[in-house]
Amino acid sequence: MDLDFNSLEPIRVPVKYGGKDYLLCEADGEASAHYDDAKIACHKYDHDTGRLLGVPLTAHLEPLMVSLCLYEVDGDGKPGQRVPEEVVRSWPGRVVSRLFDKAMTISEKDETNPAWLERQIASMQARLDAIRAREVAAKNGRSATAIGSA
């Protein structure tokens, strides 16, 4: 499959809140990595099996993602200062949730987005393949040891 990006210009969605103009921008690589790191840090996994051990506490992720993607509009109508997470946390949940949903969609991190799902499937398949390879190696190692000791 070819990847052809006609433009590297990020997607920007105008937002009005509290009488101010903002731009909700597609997450760049840094914002995306920061969000993913925070999300992973919420989960507890068994390092051997990759199995999820604990229910994540992810309530802080919505205001984080919004703050990573929301900018005040400067005098030229372009993104200016990023809106701090503390400010986003002071806004009503209904506002933050809608901004989060839109940021995830335009950043292709939304779980209902086919591209996101395809990336997740590929990642999970790679983990499954690694687990199966370890199982085969362990089985072959035991078989060889059992045969060698007989």
Protein backbone atom coordinates (compact mmCIF):
# COMPACT_ATOMS: atom_id res chain seq x y z
CA MET A 1 0.00 0.00 0.00
CA ASP A 2 1.38 3.40 -1.00
CA LEU A 3 1.35 6.30 1.41
CA ASP A 4 0.78 9.57 -0.40
CA PHE A 5 0.41 12.65 1.76
CA ASN A 6 -0.74 15.50 -0.45
CA SER A 7 -0.02 17.96 2.33
CA LEU A 8 1.81 17.86 5.63
CA GLU A 9 -0.33 20.75 6.87
CA PRO A 10 -2.04 19.57 10.08
CA ILE A 11 -5.81 19.44 10.27
CA ARG A 12 -7.15 22.42 12.21
CA VAL A 13 -10.65 22.85 13.57
CA PRO A 14 -11.82 26.30 14.75
CA VAL A 15 -13.25 26.30 18.28
CA LYS A 16 -15.05 29.07 20.16
CA TYR A 17 -15.32 28.87 23.94
CA GLY A 18 -15.88 31.53 26.54
CA GLY A 19 -15.76 34.29 23.92
CA LYS A 20 -12.28 33.24 22.75
CA ASP A 21 -11.12 31.69 19.50
CA TYR A 22 -9.01 28.54 19.51
CA LEU A 23 -7.70 26.04 17.00
CA LEU A 24 -7.90 22.34 17.74
CA CYS A 25 -5.01 20.89 15.76
CA GLU A 26 -4.14 17.38 14.72
CA ALA A 27 -1.60 15.91 17.14
CA ASP A 28 1.96 16.20 15.90
CA GLY A 29 4.51 13.44 16.55
CA GLU A 30 5.55 14.87 19.90
CA ALA A 31 1.98 15.29 21.17
CA SER A 32 1.04 11.84 19.94
CA ALA A 33 4.02 10.23 21.67
CA HIS A 34 3.35 12.15 24.89
CA TYR A 35 -0.29 11.01 24.92
CA ASP A 36 0.64 7.39 24.12
CA ASP A 37 3.27 7.34 26.88
CA ALA A 38 0.73 8.69 29.39
CA LYS A 39 -1.84 6.11 28.30
CA ILE A 40 0.62 3.23 28.57
CA ALA A 41 1.73 4.44 32.00
CA CYS A 42 -1.86 3.99 33.21
CA HIS A 43 -1.85 0.26 32.43
CA LYS A 44 -0.22 -2.57 34.31
CA TYR A 45 0.89 -5.47 32.15
CA ASP A 46 2.49 -8.83 32.81
CA HIS A 47 5.84 -8.40 31.04
CA ASP A 48 6.08 -12.09 30.11
CA THR A 49 2.61 -12.57 28.62
CA GLY A 50 1.64 -9.02 27.73
CA ARG A 51 -1.65 -9.58 29.57
CA LEU A 52 -3.35 -6.59 31.14
CA LEU A 53 -3.24 -6.95 34.93
CA GLY A 54 -5.04 -3.86 36.13
CA VAL A 55 -7.85 -1.55 35.11
CA PRO A 56 -6.27 1.69 33.98
CA LEU A 57 -6.97 5.01 35.63
CA THR A 58 -7.28 7.13 32.54
CA ALA A 59 -9.43 10.10 33.59
CA HIS A 60 -6.50 12.51 33.18
CA LEU A 61 -5.94 11.53 29.55
CA GLU A 62 -8.77 13.61 28.05
CA PRO A 63 -7.58 17.01 29.35
CA LEU A 64 -4.00 16.03 28.50
CA MET A 65 -4.80 15.28 24.85
CA VAL A 66 -6.90 18.43 24.53
CA SER A 67 -4.08 20.55 25.96
CA LEU A 68 -1.62 18.96 23.53
CA CYS A 69 -3.81 19.87 20.54
CA LEU A 70 -5.61 23.12 21.49
CA TYR A 71 -4.06 26.51 20.72
CA GLU A 72 -5.15 30.09 21.15
CA VAL A 73 -5.54 31.86 17.81
CA ASP A 74 -2.86 34.47 17.18
CA GLY A 75 -3.36 37.76 15.32
CA ASP A 76 -2.86 36.05 11.95
CA GLY A 77 -5.47 33.37 12.61
CA LYS A 78 -2.79 30.73 13.17
CA PRO A 79 -2.06 28.61 16.24
CA GLY A 80 -0.45 30.69 18.96
CA GLN A 81 0.13 29.59 22.55
CA ARG A 82 -0.91 26.09 23.52
CA VAL A 83 -3.70 26.03 26.11
CA PRO A 84 -2.22 24.67 29.37
CA GLU A 85 -3.64 21.46 30.79
CA GLU A 86 -4.59 23.27 34.02
CA VAL A 87 -6.85 25.58 32.03
CA VAL A 88 -8.46 22.68 30.15
CA ARG A 89 -9.08 20.92 33.49
CA SER A 90 -11.04 23.96 34.70
CA TRP A 91 -13.55 23.66 31.83
CA PRO A 92 -16.78 21.64 32.03
CA GLY A 93 -16.43 17.94 31.32
CA ARG A 94 -18.88 18.12 28.41
CA VAL A 95 -16.62 20.64 26.66
CA VAL A 96 -13.41 18.70 27.34
CA SER A 97 -15.00 15.40 26.22
CA ARG A 98 -16.15 16.84 22.88
CA LEU A 99 -12.77 18.45 22.25
CA PHE A 100 -11.04 15.17 23.16
CA ASP A 101 -13.24 13.15 20.80
CA LYS A 102 -12.52 15.56 17.94
CA ALA A 103 -8.77 15.66 18.67
CA MET A 104 -8.64 11.85 18.65
CA THR A 105 -10.55 11.69 15.36
CA ILE A 106 -8.47 14.26 13.47
CA SER A 107 -5.27 12.70 14.87
CA GLU A 108 -6.37 9.21 13.76
CA LYS A 109 -6.14 7.93 17.32
CA ASP A 110 -9.87 7.34 17.61
CA GLU A 111 -10.77 3.71 18.27
CA THR A 112 -13.58 3.94 15.69
CA ASN A 113 -11.17 5.09 12.98
CA PRO A 114 -10.26 2.26 10.54
CA ALA A 115 -6.63 3.42 10.23
CA TRP A 116 -6.24 3.36 14.03
CA LEU A 117 -7.82 -0.08 14.23
CA GLU A 118 -5.52 -1.42 11.51
CA ARG A 119 -2.47 -0.17 13.43
CA GLN A 120 -3.76 -1.79 16.62
CA ILE A 121 -4.40 -5.12 14.85
CA ALA A 122 -0.88 -5.09 13.37
CA SER A 123 0.64 -4.31 16.77
CA MET A 124 -1.35 -7.03 18.50
CA GLN A 125 -0.50 -9.55 15.77
CA ALA A 126 3.20 -8.80 16.23
CA ARG A 127 2.88 -9.36 20.00
CA LEU A 128 0.96 -12.60 19.44
CA ASP A 129 3.60 -13.83 16.98
CA ALA A 130 6.36 -13.06 19.52
CA ILE A 131 4.51 -14.94 22.27
CA ARG A 132 3.97 -17.94 20.01
CA ALA A 133 7.64 -17.92 18.97
CA ARG A 134 8.69 -17.96 22.66
CA GLU A 135 6.30 -20.84 23.32
CA VAL A 136 7.70 -22.86 20.40
CA ALA A 137 11.27 -22.13 21.49
CA ALA A 138 10.48 -23.16 25.08
CA LYS A 139 8.75 -26.34 23.91
CA ASN A 140 11.64 -27.24 21.60
CA GLY A 141 14.13 -26.53 24.37
CA ARG A 142 12.32 -28.84 26.78
CA SER A 143 11.99 -31.57 24.18
CA ALA A 144 15.68 -31.40 23.33
CA THR A 145 16.61 -31.51 27.03
CA ALA A 146 14.28 -34.45 27.71
CA ILE A 147 15.66 -36.39 24.75
CA GLY A 148 19.27 -35.57 25.65
CA SER A 149 18.89 -36.78 29.23
CA ALA A 150 17.34 -40.15 28.31
